[in-house]
Amino acid sequence: MGFRTVVMLSNDHAHEWERDTELGRKISRAMNYASSPERRDMASIGYGQVVECVHADQQTLAMLDGYTAFKHIDAQPWARGPVSDEAIVRLLKSAANKLGYRLVKKPA
C-alpha cells in the first residue's frame, strides 16, 4: 500500500479551484507538511488545506470543522476486508477510551 492524502476544499471558492491547472502540484507540495503541527501553514493551498497524509493502511477517526479544521481523534491499523460496523466500533471504542470513556452497546 502507498499513502493517502486528504484535502479539504472550500466550496465557496470552487470557482477558483475548478479551473486551477496547478491544483495537483499545490496538493503535492502541501502534503509534505500536513503531519507537521509547527508547519501547518505550509499545508495550505489557498482555498483549502491538506489535512492528513498517512500510510493507506491506517484507519482514521477525525472531526472536520469549518474549511480546514481537522481534529485527529484516533487511528487504528488497517483491518483486512471492507469497512464493517465491527471496524468502526473498534475505532470508536479506542477513541472513547483515550478520552476517558467506555463505549457500550445498548441492550437489545
PDB file of N, CA and C in Angstrom:
ATOM      1  N   MET A   1       0.829  -1.186   0.000  1.00  0.00           N
ATOM      2  CA  MET A   1       0.000   0.000   0.000  1.00  0.00           C
ATOM      3  C   MET A   1       0.869   1.242   0.000  1.00  0.00           C
ATOM      4  N   GLY A   2       0.318   2.308  -0.534  1.00  0.00           N
ATOM      5  CA  GLY A   2       1.010   3.582  -0.567  1.00  0.00           C
ATOM      6  C   GLY A   2       0.499   4.506   0.512  1.00  0.00           C
ATOM      7  N   PHE A   3       0.428   5.782   0.183  1.00  0.00           N
ATOM      8  CA  PHE A   3      -0.026   6.787   1.133  1.00  0.00           C
ATOM      9  C   PHE A   3      -1.353   7.388   0.683  1.00  0.00           C
ATOM     10  N   ARG A   4      -2.100   7.914   1.661  1.00  0.00           N
ATOM     11  CA  ARG A   4      -3.389   8.556   1.410  1.00  0.00           C
ATOM     12  C   ARG A   4      -3.258  10.024   1.797  1.00  0.00           C
ATOM     13  N   THR A   5      -3.739  10.893   0.917  1.00  0.00           N
ATOM     14  CA  THR A   5      -3.734  12.325   1.171  1.00  0.00           C
ATOM     15  C   THR A   5      -5.171  12.817   1.213  1.00  0.00           C
ATOM     16  N   VAL A   6      -5.528  13.491   2.296  1.00  0.00           N
ATOM     17  CA  VAL A   6      -6.880  14.019   2.473  1.00  0.00           C
ATOM     18  C   VAL A   6      -6.814  15.538   2.349  1.00  0.00           C
ATOM     19  N   VAL A   7      -7.660  16.072   1.465  1.00  0.00           N
ATOM     20  CA  VAL A   7      -7.687  17.508   1.199  1.00  0.00           C
ATOM     21  C   VAL A   7      -9.078  18.047   1.478  1.00  0.00           C
ATOM     22  N   MET A   8      -9.163  19.161   2.178  1.00  0.00           N
ATOM     23  CA  MET A   8     -10.434  19.854   2.381  1.00  0.00           C
ATOM     24  C   MET A   8     -10.419  21.100   1.515  1.00  0.00           C
ATOM     25  N   LEU A   9     -11.441  21.260   0.675  1.00  0.00           N
ATOM     26  CA  LEU A   9     -11.550  22.424  -0.201  1.00  0.00           C
ATOM     27  C   LEU A   9     -12.806  23.212   0.166  1.00  0.00           C
ATOM     28  N   SER A  10     -12.713  24.515   0.108  1.00  0.00           N
ATOM     29  CA  SER A  10     -13.865  25.378   0.379  1.00  0.00           C
ATOM     30  C   SER A  10     -14.751  25.446  -0.857  1.00  0.00           C
ATOM     31  N   ASN A  11     -16.007  25.041  -0.718  1.00  0.00           N
ATOM     32  CA  ASN A  11     -16.947  25.129  -1.841  1.00  0.00           C
ATOM     33  C   ASN A  11     -17.173  26.569  -2.266  1.00  0.00           C
ATOM     34  N   ASP A  12     -17.031  27.507  -1.321  1.00  0.00           N
ATOM     35  CA  ASP A  12     -17.201  28.925  -1.645  1.00  0.00           C
ATOM     36  C   ASP A  12     -16.171  29.396  -2.672  1.00  0.00           C
ATOM     37  N   HIS A  13     -15.078  28.645  -2.779  1.00  0.00           N
ATOM     38  CA  HIS A  13     -14.018  29.011  -3.725  1.00  0.00           C
ATOM     39  C   HIS A  13     -13.916  28.017  -4.880  1.00  0.00           C
ATOM     40  N   ALA A  14     -14.979  27.256  -5.113  1.00  0.00           N
ATOM     41  CA  ALA A  14     -14.967  26.259  -6.194  1.00  0.00           C
ATOM     42  C   ALA A  14     -14.666  26.905  -7.536  1.00  0.00           C
ATOM     43  N   HIS A  15     -15.121  28.138  -7.720  1.00  0.00           N
ATOM     44  CA  HIS A  15     -14.858  28.835  -8.986  1.00  0.00           C
ATOM     45  C   HIS A  15     -13.370  29.040  -9.218  1.00  0.00           C
ATOM     46  N   GLU A  16     -12.568  28.994  -8.143  1.00  0.00           N
ATOM     47  CA  GLU A  16     -11.110  29.110  -8.279  1.00  0.00           C
ATOM     48  C   GLU A  16     -10.474  27.743  -8.502  1.00  0.00           C
ATOM     49  N   TRP A  17     -10.785  26.785  -7.615  1.00  0.00           N
ATOM     50  CA  TRP A  17     -10.077  25.513  -7.715  1.00  0.00           C
ATOM     51  C   TRP A  17     -10.545  24.638  -8.859  1.00  0.00           C
ATOM     52  N   GLU A  18     -11.737  24.866  -9.382  1.00  0.00           N
ATOM     53  CA  GLU A  18     -12.176  24.045 -10.506  1.00  0.00           C
ATOM     54  C   GLU A  18     -11.422  24.392 -11.787  1.00  0.00           C
ATOM     55  N   ARG A  19     -10.817  25.561 -11.813  1.00  0.00           N
ATOM     56  CA  ARG A  19     -10.062  25.987 -13.005  1.00  0.00           C
ATOM     57  C   ARG A  19      -8.549  26.031 -12.771  1.00  0.00           C
ATOM     58  N   ASP A  20      -8.121  25.632 -11.598  1.00  0.00           N
ATOM     59  CA  ASP A  20      -6.707  25.730 -11.226  1.00  0.00           C
ATOM     60  C   ASP A  20      -5.909  24.580 -11.831  1.00  0.00           C
ATOM     61  N   THR A  21      -5.147  24.881 -12.853  1.00  0.00           N
ATOM     62  CA  THR A  21      -4.328  23.852 -13.503  1.00  0.00           C
ATOM     63  C   THR A  21      -3.139  23.445 -12.629  1.00  0.00           C
ATOM     64  N   GLU A  22      -2.875  24.206 -11.565  1.00  0.00           N
ATOM     65  CA  GLU A  22      -1.771  23.909 -10.653  1.00  0.00           C
ATOM     66  C   GLU A  22      -2.236  23.178  -9.397  1.00  0.00           C
ATOM     67  N   LEU A  23      -3.523  22.810  -9.303  1.00  0.00           N
ATOM     68  CA  LEU A  23      -4.063  22.210  -8.091  1.00  0.00           C
ATOM     69  C   LEU A  23      -3.301  20.954  -7.678  1.00  0.00           C
ATOM     70  N   GLY A  24      -3.046  20.072  -8.595  1.00  0.00           N
ATOM     71  CA  GLY A  24      -2.301  18.844  -8.275  1.00  0.00           C
ATOM     72  C   GLY A  24      -0.924  19.144  -7.726  1.00  0.00           C
ATOM     73  N   ARG A  25      -0.229  20.101  -8.313  1.00  0.00           N
ATOM     74  CA  ARG A  25       1.107  20.482  -7.846  1.00  0.00           C
ATOM     75  C   ARG A  25       1.027  21.104  -6.445  1.00  0.00           C
ATOM     76  N   LYS A  26       0.001  21.922  -6.199  1.00  0.00           N
ATOM     77  CA  LYS A  26      -0.176  22.549  -4.881  1.00  0.00           C
ATOM     78  C   LYS A  26      -0.426  21.486  -3.816  1.00  0.00           C
ATOM     79  N   ILE A  27      -1.268  20.506  -4.133  1.00  0.00           N
ATOM     80  CA  ILE A  27      -1.550  19.418  -3.188  1.00  0.00           C
ATOM     81  C   ILE A  27      -0.291  18.610  -2.940  1.00  0.00           C
ATOM     82  N   SER A  28       0.433  18.297  -3.992  1.00  0.00           N
ATOM     83  CA  SER A  28       1.664  17.513  -3.872  1.00  0.00           C
ATOM     84  C   SER A  28       2.684  18.208  -2.976  1.00  0.00           C
ATOM     85  N   ARG A  29       2.799  19.508  -3.079  1.00  0.00           N
ATOM     86  CA  ARG A  29       3.723  20.278  -2.248  1.00  0.00           C
ATOM     87  C   ARG A  29       3.211  20.336  -0.804  1.00  0.00           C
ATOM     88  N   ALA A  30       1.929  20.627  -0.633  1.00  0.00           N
ATOM     89  CA  ALA A  30       1.354  20.810   0.697  1.00  0.00           C
ATOM     90  C   ALA A  30       1.292  19.520   1.509  1.00  0.00           C
ATOM     91  N   MET A  31       1.178  18.369   0.840  1.00  0.00           N
ATOM     92  CA  MET A  31       1.028  17.102   1.572  1.00  0.00           C
ATOM     93  C   MET A  31       2.245  16.793   2.430  1.00  0.00           C
ATOM     94  N   ASN A  32       3.386  17.384   2.108  1.00  0.00           N
ATOM     95  CA  ASN A  32       4.603  17.162   2.886  1.00  0.00           C
ATOM     96  C   ASN A  32       4.553  17.822   4.261  1.00  0.00           C
ATOM     97  N   TYR A  33       3.574  18.711   4.493  1.00  0.00           N
ATOM     98  CA  TYR A  33       3.509  19.460   5.744  1.00  0.00           C
ATOM     99  C   TYR A  33       2.258  19.150   6.564  1.00  0.00           C
ATOM    100  N   ALA A  34       1.378  18.303   6.071  1.00  0.00           N
ATOM    101  CA  ALA A  34       0.113  18.027   6.748  1.00  0.00           C
ATOM    102  C   ALA A  34       0.308  17.429   8.135  1.00  0.00           C
ATOM    103  N   SER A  35       1.344  16.657   8.327  1.00  0.00           N
ATOM    104  CA  SER A  35       1.566  15.990   9.615  1.00  0.00           C
ATOM    105  C   SER A  35       2.530  16.752  10.515  1.00  0.00           C
ATOM    106  N   SER A  36       2.851  17.968  10.150  1.00  0.00           N
ATOM    107  CA  SER A  36       3.801  18.770  10.914  1.00  0.00           C
ATOM    108  C   SER A  36       3.083  19.951  11.565  1.00  0.00           C
ATOM    109  N   PRO A  37       2.669  19.822  12.845  1.00  0.00           N
ATOM    110  CA  PRO A  37       1.901  20.878  13.505  1.00  0.00           C
ATOM    111  C   PRO A  37       2.565  22.258  13.453  1.00  0.00           C
ATOM    112  N   GLU A  38       3.873  22.300  13.556  1.00  0.00           N
ATOM    113  CA  GLU A  38       4.568  23.595  13.544  1.00  0.00           C
ATOM    114  C   GLU A  38       4.648  24.218  12.146  1.00  0.00           C
ATOM    115  N   ARG A  39       4.316  23.453  11.120  1.00  0.00           N
ATOM    116  CA  ARG A  39       4.364  23.987   9.757  1.00  0.00           C
ATOM    117  C   ARG A  39       3.047  23.794   9.027  1.00  0.00           C
ATOM    118  N   ARG A  40       1.920  23.734   9.785  1.00  0.00           N
ATOM    119  CA  ARG A  40       0.591  23.528   9.192  1.00  0.00           C
ATOM    120  C   ARG A  40       0.259  24.573   8.146  1.00  0.00           C
ATOM    121  N   ASP A  41       0.775  25.793   8.310  1.00  0.00           N
ATOM    122  CA  ASP A  41       0.504  26.844   7.328  1.00  0.00           C
ATOM    123  C   ASP A  41       1.027  26.460   5.949  1.00  0.00           C
ATOM    124  N   MET A  42       2.048  25.631   5.889  1.00  0.00           N
ATOM    125  CA  MET A  42       2.617  25.192   4.619  1.00  0.00           C
ATOM    126  C   MET A  42       1.706  24.159   3.926  1.00  0.00           C
ATOM    127  N   ALA A  43       0.744  23.601   4.681  1.00  0.00           N
ATOM    128  CA  ALA A  43      -0.185  22.625   4.114  1.00  0.00           C
ATOM    129  C   ALA A  43      -1.359  23.312   3.421  1.00  0.00           C
ATOM    130  N   SER A  44      -1.407  24.629   3.476  1.00  0.00           N
ATOM    131  CA  SER A  44      -2.491  25.378   2.840  1.00  0.00           C
ATOM    132  C   SER A  44      -2.307  25.412   1.325  1.00  0.00           C
ATOM    133  N   ILE A  45      -3.435  25.356   0.617  1.00  0.00           N
ATOM    134  CA  ILE A  45      -3.389  25.511  -0.838  1.00  0.00           C
ATOM    135  C   ILE A  45      -4.238  26.715  -1.256  1.00  0.00           C
ATOM    136  N   GLY A  46      -4.417  27.651  -0.322  1.00  0.00           N
ATOM    137  CA  GLY A  46      -5.125  28.890  -0.624  1.00  0.00           C
ATOM    138  C   GLY A  46      -6.614  28.812  -0.348  1.00  0.00           C
ATOM    139  N   TYR A  47      -7.293  27.928  -0.991  1.00  0.00           N
ATOM    140  CA  TYR A  47      -8.746  27.784  -0.834  1.00  0.00           C
ATOM    141  C   TYR A  47      -9.078  26.436  -0.216  1.00  0.00           C
ATOM    142  N   GLY A  48      -8.114  25.904   0.484  1.00  0.00           N
ATOM    143  CA  GLY A  48      -8.266  24.629   1.153  1.00  0.00           C
ATOM    144  C   GLY A  48      -6.971  24.239   1.827  1.00  0.00           C
ATOM    145  N   GLN A  49      -6.933  23.013   2.295  1.00  0.00           N
ATOM    146  CA  GLN A  49      -5.760  22.564   3.022  1.00  0.00           C
ATOM    147  C   GLN A  49      -5.640  21.051   2.944  1.00  0.00           C
ATOM    148  N   VAL A  50      -4.400  20.591   2.864  1.00  0.00           N
ATOM    149  CA  VAL A  50      -4.135  19.167   3.017  1.00  0.00           C
ATOM    150  C   VAL A  50      -4.167  18.925   4.519  1.00  0.00           C
ATOM    151  N   VAL A  51      -5.076  18.068   4.977  1.00  0.00           N
ATOM    152  CA  VAL A  51      -5.265  17.886   6.415  1.00  0.00           C
ATOM    153  C   VAL A  51      -4.674  16.581   6.943  1.00  0.00           C
ATOM    154  N   GLU A  52      -4.412  15.643   6.057  1.00  0.00           N
ATOM    155  CA  GLU A  52      -3.813  14.388   6.504  1.00  0.00           C
ATOM    156  C   GLU A  52      -3.067  13.741   5.347  1.00  0.00           C
ATOM    157  N   CYS A  53      -1.908  13.198   5.662  1.00  0.00           N
ATOM    158  CA  CYS A  53      -1.154  12.406   4.701  1.00  0.00           C
ATOM    159  C   CYS A  53      -0.531  11.270   5.496  1.00  0.00           C
ATOM    160  N   VAL A  54      -1.097  10.079   5.341  1.00  0.00           N
ATOM    161  CA  VAL A  54      -0.669   8.923   6.135  1.00  0.00           C
ATOM    162  C   VAL A  54      -0.602   7.687   5.251  1.00  0.00           C
ATOM    163  N   HIS A  55       0.023   6.661   5.786  1.00  0.00           N
ATOM    164  CA  HIS A  55       0.065   5.395   5.070  1.00  0.00           C
ATOM    165  C   HIS A  55      -1.362   4.891   4.893  1.00  0.00           C
ATOM    166  N   ALA A  56      -1.661   4.353   3.756  1.00  0.00           N
ATOM    167  CA  ALA A  56      -3.025   3.957   3.408  1.00  0.00           C
ATOM    168  C   ALA A  56      -3.563   2.800   4.256  1.00  0.00           C
ATOM    169  N   ASP A  57      -2.713   2.156   5.042  1.00  0.00           N
ATOM    170  CA  ASP A  57      -3.218   1.074   5.891  1.00  0.00           C
ATOM    171  C   ASP A  57      -3.682   1.574   7.257  1.00  0.00           C
ATOM    172  N   GLN A  58      -3.832   2.871   7.392  1.00  0.00           N
ATOM    173  CA  GLN A  58      -4.331   3.455   8.636  1.00  0.00           C
ATOM    174  C   GLN A  58      -5.800   3.834   8.487  1.00  0.00           C
ATOM    175  N   GLN A  59      -6.598   3.489   9.477  1.00  0.00           N
ATOM    176  CA  GLN A  59      -7.992   3.922   9.527  1.00  0.00           C
ATOM    177  C   GLN A  59      -8.036   5.083  10.508  1.00  0.00           C
ATOM    178  N   THR A  60      -8.593   6.217  10.086  1.00  0.00           N
ATOM    179  CA  THR A  60      -8.572   7.440  10.877  1.00  0.00           C
ATOM    180  C   THR A  60      -9.971   7.855  11.288  1.00  0.00           C
ATOM    181  N   LEU A  61     -10.100   8.268  12.546  1.00  0.00           N
ATOM    182  CA  LEU A  61     -11.327   8.878  13.051  1.00  0.00           C
ATOM    183  C   LEU A  61     -10.974  10.333  13.316  1.00  0.00           C
ATOM    184  N   ALA A  62     -11.720  11.247  12.687  1.00  0.00           N
ATOM    185  CA  ALA A  62     -11.397  12.669  12.816  1.00  0.00           C
ATOM    186  C   ALA A  62     -12.663  13.503  12.877  1.00  0.00           C
ATOM    187  N   MET A  63     -12.517  14.697  13.414  1.00  0.00           N
ATOM    188  CA  MET A  63     -13.596  15.672  13.403  1.00  0.00           C
ATOM    189  C   MET A  63     -13.193  16.768  12.413  1.00  0.00           C
ATOM    190  N   LEU A  64     -14.051  16.998  11.429  1.00  0.00           N
ATOM    191  CA  LEU A  64     -13.818  18.047  10.450  1.00  0.00           C
ATOM    192  C   LEU A  64     -14.692  19.231  10.827  1.00  0.00           C
ATOM    193  N   ASP A  65     -14.142  20.433  10.730  1.00  0.00           N
ATOM    194  CA  ASP A  65     -14.883  21.619  11.131  1.00  0.00           C
ATOM    195  C   ASP A  65     -14.453  22.776  10.242  1.00  0.00           C
ATOM    196  N   GLY A  66     -15.416  23.580   9.832  1.00  0.00           N
ATOM    197  CA  GLY A  66     -15.082  24.731   9.002  1.00  0.00           C
ATOM    198  C   GLY A  66     -14.528  24.309   7.660  1.00  0.00           C
ATOM    199  N   TYR A  67     -13.581  25.086   7.165  1.00  0.00           N
ATOM    200  CA  TYR A  67     -12.997  24.824   5.852  1.00  0.00           C
ATOM    201  C   TYR A  67     -11.722  24.015   5.916  1.00  0.00           C
ATOM    202  N   THR A  68     -10.997  24.097   7.023  1.00  0.00           N
ATOM    203  CA  THR A  68      -9.696  23.434   7.070  1.00  0.00           C
ATOM    204  C   THR A  68      -9.395  22.760   8.403  1.00  0.00           C
ATOM    205  N   ALA A  69     -10.296  22.830   9.371  1.00  0.00           N
ATOM    206  CA  ALA A  69     -10.010  22.260  10.694  1.00  0.00           C
ATOM    207  C   ALA A  69     -10.180  20.747  10.680  1.00  0.00           C
ATOM    208  N   PHE A  70      -9.114  20.060  10.979  1.00  0.00           N
ATOM    209  CA  PHE A  70      -9.069  18.601  11.021  1.00  0.00           C
ATOM    210  C   PHE A  70      -8.542  18.212  12.392  1.00  0.00           C
ATOM    211  N   LYS A  71      -9.401  17.649  13.235  1.00  0.00           N
ATOM    212  CA  LYS A  71      -9.001  17.225  14.574  1.00  0.00           C
ATOM    213  C   LYS A  71      -8.857  15.709  14.559  1.00  0.00           C
ATOM    214  N   HIS A  72      -7.612  15.244  14.594  1.00  0.00           N
ATOM    215  CA  HIS A  72      -7.339  13.811  14.625  1.00  0.00           C
ATOM    216  C   HIS A  72      -7.785  13.284  15.982  1.00  0.00           C
ATOM    217  N   ILE A  73      -8.673  12.317  15.981  1.00  0.00           N
ATOM    218  CA  ILE A  73      -9.189  11.772  17.230  1.00  0.00           C
ATOM    219  C   ILE A  73      -8.495  10.454  17.558  1.00  0.00           C
ATOM    220  N   ASP A  74      -8.438   9.566  16.594  1.00  0.00           N
ATOM    221  CA  ASP A  74      -7.785   8.283  16.826  1.00  0.00           C
ATOM    222  C   ASP A  74      -7.486   7.628  15.482  1.00  0.00           C
ATOM    223  N   ALA A  75      -6.617   6.653  15.515  1.00  0.00           N
ATOM    224  CA  ALA A  75      -6.288   5.886  14.313  1.00  0.00           C
ATOM    225  C   ALA A  75      -5.990   4.456  14.721  1.00  0.00           C
ATOM    226  N   GLN A  76      -6.280   3.557  13.825  1.00  0.00           N
ATOM    227  CA  GLN A  76      -6.030   2.132  14.037  1.00  0.00           C
ATOM    228  C   GLN A  76      -5.397   1.574  12.775  1.00  0.00           C
ATOM    229  N   PRO A  77      -4.642   0.489  12.912  1.00  0.00           N
ATOM    230  CA  PRO A  77      -4.119  -0.152  11.706  1.00  0.00           C
ATOM    231  C   PRO A  77      -5.256  -0.711  10.859  1.00  0.00           C
ATOM    232  N   TRP A  78      -5.015  -0.809   9.597  1.00  0.00           N
ATOM    233  CA  TRP A  78      -5.980  -1.340   8.644  1.00  0.00           C
ATOM    234  C   TRP A  78      -6.408  -2.735   9.051  1.00  0.00           C
ATOM    235  N   ALA A  79      -7.709  -3.000   8.922  1.00  0.00           N
ATOM    236  CA  ALA A  79      -8.256  -4.333   9.180  1.00  0.00           C
ATOM    237  C   ALA A  79      -8.660  -4.931   7.832  1.00  0.00           C
ATOM    238  N   ARG A  80      -8.201  -6.143   7.557  1.00  0.00           N
ATOM    239  CA  ARG A  80      -8.476  -6.792   6.269  1.00  0.00           C
ATOM    240  C   ARG A  80      -9.970  -6.871   6.009  1.00  0.00           C
ATOM    241  N   GLY A  81     -10.339  -6.625   4.773  1.00  0.00           N
ATOM    242  CA  GLY A  81     -11.742  -6.701   4.378  1.00  0.00           C
ATOM    243  C   GLY A  81     -12.370  -5.323   4.312  1.00  0.00           C
ATOM    244  N   PRO A  82     -13.609  -5.278   3.873  1.00  0.00           N
ATOM    245  CA  PRO A  82     -14.292  -3.993   3.753  1.00  0.00           C
ATOM    246  C   PRO A  82     -14.546  -3.371   5.126  1.00  0.00           C
ATOM    247  N   VAL A  83     -14.716  -2.067   5.150  1.00  0.00           N
ATOM    248  CA  VAL A  83     -15.030  -1.387   6.402  1.00  0.00           C
ATOM    249  C   VAL A  83     -16.377  -1.904   6.880  1.00  0.00           C
ATOM    250  N   SER A  84     -16.374  -2.445   8.064  1.00  0.00           N
ATOM    251  CA  SER A  84     -17.593  -3.011   8.621  1.00  0.00           C
ATOM    252  C   SER A  84     -17.943  -2.270   9.898  1.00  0.00           C
ATOM    253  N   ASP A  85     -19.130  -2.541  10.430  1.00  0.00           N
ATOM    254  CA  ASP A  85     -19.514  -1.949  11.705  1.00  0.00           C
ATOM    255  C   ASP A  85     -18.514  -2.338  12.782  1.00  0.00           C
ATOM    256  N   GLU A  86     -17.973  -3.544  12.694  1.00  0.00           N
ATOM    257  CA  GLU A  86     -17.008  -4.014  13.688  1.00  0.00           C
ATOM    258  C   GLU A  86     -15.755  -3.132  13.701  1.00  0.00           C
ATOM    259  N   ALA A  87     -15.262  -2.790  12.534  1.00  0.00           N
ATOM    260  CA  ALA A  87     -14.081  -1.931  12.445  1.00  0.00           C
ATOM    261  C   ALA A  87     -14.395  -0.528  12.969  1.00  0.00           C
ATOM    262  N   ILE A  88     -15.580  -0.033  12.682  1.00  0.00           N
ATOM    263  CA  ILE A  88     -15.986   1.294  13.158  1.00  0.00           C
ATOM    264  C   ILE A  88     -16.096   1.297  14.673  1.00  0.00           C
ATOM    265  N   VAL A  89     -16.727   0.271  15.229  1.00  0.00           N
ATOM    266  CA  VAL A  89     -16.883   0.179  16.686  1.00  0.00           C
ATOM    267  C   VAL A  89     -15.522   0.078  17.359  1.00  0.00           C
ATOM    268  N   ARG A  90     -14.605  -0.690  16.769  1.00  0.00           N
ATOM    269  CA  ARG A  90     -13.251  -0.818  17.331  1.00  0.00           C
ATOM    270  C   ARG A  90     -12.576   0.542  17.421  1.00  0.00           C
ATOM    271  N   LEU A  91     -12.713   1.337  16.380  1.00  0.00           N
ATOM    272  CA  LEU A  91     -12.109   2.670  16.356  1.00  0.00           C
ATOM    273  C   LEU A  91     -12.795   3.607  17.353  1.00  0.00           C
ATOM    274  N   LEU A  92     -14.115   3.556  17.419  1.00  0.00           N
ATOM    275  CA  LEU A  92     -14.854   4.384  18.377  1.00  0.00           C
ATOM    276  C   LEU A  92     -14.516   4.018  19.822  1.00  0.00           C
ATOM    277  N   LYS A  93     -14.405   2.729  20.113  1.00  0.00           N
ATOM    278  CA  LYS A  93     -14.053   2.290  21.468  1.00  0.00           C
ATOM    279  C   LYS A  93     -12.662   2.776  21.853  1.00  0.00           C
ATOM    280  N   SER A  94     -11.747   2.695  20.932  1.00  0.00           N
ATOM    281  CA  SER A  94     -10.386   3.152  21.195  1.00  0.00           C
ATOM    282  C   SER A  94     -10.367   4.653  21.475  1.00  0.00           C
ATOM    283  N   ALA A  95     -11.102   5.419  20.674  1.00  0.00           N
ATOM    284  CA  ALA A  95     -11.167   6.869  20.866  1.00  0.00           C
ATOM    285  C   ALA A  95     -11.826   7.204  22.199  1.00  0.00           C
ATOM    286  N   ALA A  96     -12.931   6.531  22.517  1.00  0.00           N
ATOM    287  CA  ALA A  96     -13.620   6.769  23.786  1.00  0.00           C
ATOM    288  C   ALA A  96     -12.686   6.479  24.956  1.00  0.00           C
ATOM    289  N   ASN A  97     -11.953   5.382  24.888  1.00  0.00           N
ATOM    290  CA  ASN A  97     -11.019   5.010  25.947  1.00  0.00           C
ATOM    291  C   ASN A  97      -9.955   6.093  26.143  1.00  0.00           C
ATOM    292  N   LYS A  98      -9.416   6.625  25.053  1.00  0.00           N
ATOM    293  CA  LYS A  98      -8.391   7.675  25.147  1.00  0.00           C
ATOM    294  C   LYS A  98      -8.945   8.947  25.787  1.00  0.00           C
ATOM    295  N   LEU A  99     -10.256   9.164  25.639  1.00  0.00           N
ATOM    296  CA  LEU A  99     -10.903  10.343  26.215  1.00  0.00           C
ATOM    297  C   LEU A  99     -11.452  10.076  27.619  1.00  0.00           C
ATOM    298  N   GLY A 100     -11.238   8.870  28.147  1.00  0.00           N
ATOM    299  CA  GLY A 100     -11.679   8.533  29.490  1.00  0.00           C
ATOM    300  C   GLY A 100     -13.095   7.994  29.568  1.00  0.00           C
ATOM    301  N   TYR A 101     -13.626   7.517  28.457  1.00  0.00           N
ATOM    302  CA  TYR A 101     -14.982   6.971  28.417  1.00  0.00           C
ATOM    303  C   TYR A 101     -14.945   5.506  28.035  1.00  0.00           C
ATOM    304  N   ARG A 102     -16.086   4.864  28.197  1.00  0.00           N
ATOM    305  CA  ARG A 102     -16.237   3.473  27.778  1.00  0.00           C
ATOM    306  C   ARG A 102     -17.468   3.424  26.872  1.00  0.00           C
ATOM    307  N   LEU A 103     -17.295   2.888  25.704  1.00  0.00           N
ATOM    308  CA  LEU A 103     -18.402   2.746  24.759  1.00  0.00           C
ATOM    309  C   LEU A 103     -19.020   1.371  24.964  1.00  0.00           C
ATOM    310  N   VAL A 104     -20.314   1.366  25.252  1.00  0.00           N
ATOM    311  CA  VAL A 104     -21.017   0.093  25.433  1.00  0.00           C
ATOM    312  C   VAL A 104     -22.270   0.092  24.577  1.00  0.00           C
ATOM    313  N   LYS A 105     -22.631  -1.092  24.099  1.00  0.00           N
ATOM    314  CA  LYS A 105     -23.797  -1.249  23.257  1.00  0.00           C
ATOM    315  C   LYS A 105     -25.068  -1.199  24.114  1.00  0.00           C
ATOM    316  N   LYS A 106     -26.097  -0.557  23.583  1.00  0.00           N
ATOM    317  CA  LYS A 106     -27.391  -0.515  24.257  1.00  0.00           C
ATOM    318  C   LYS A 106     -27.966  -1.913  24.286  1.00  0.00           C
ATOM    319  N   PRO A 107     -28.705  -2.263  25.351  1.00  0.00           N
ATOM    320  CA  PRO A 107     -29.351  -3.583  25.390  1.00  0.00           C
ATOM    321  C   PRO A 107     -30.394  -3.689  24.270  1.00  0.00           C
ATOM    322  N   ALA A 108     -30.503  -4.875  23.720  1.00  0.00           N
ATOM    323  CA  ALA A 108     -31.428  -5.094  22.610  1.00  0.00           C
ATOM    324  C   ALA A 108     -32.874  -5.079  23.046  1.00  0.00           C
TER     325      ALA A 108
END
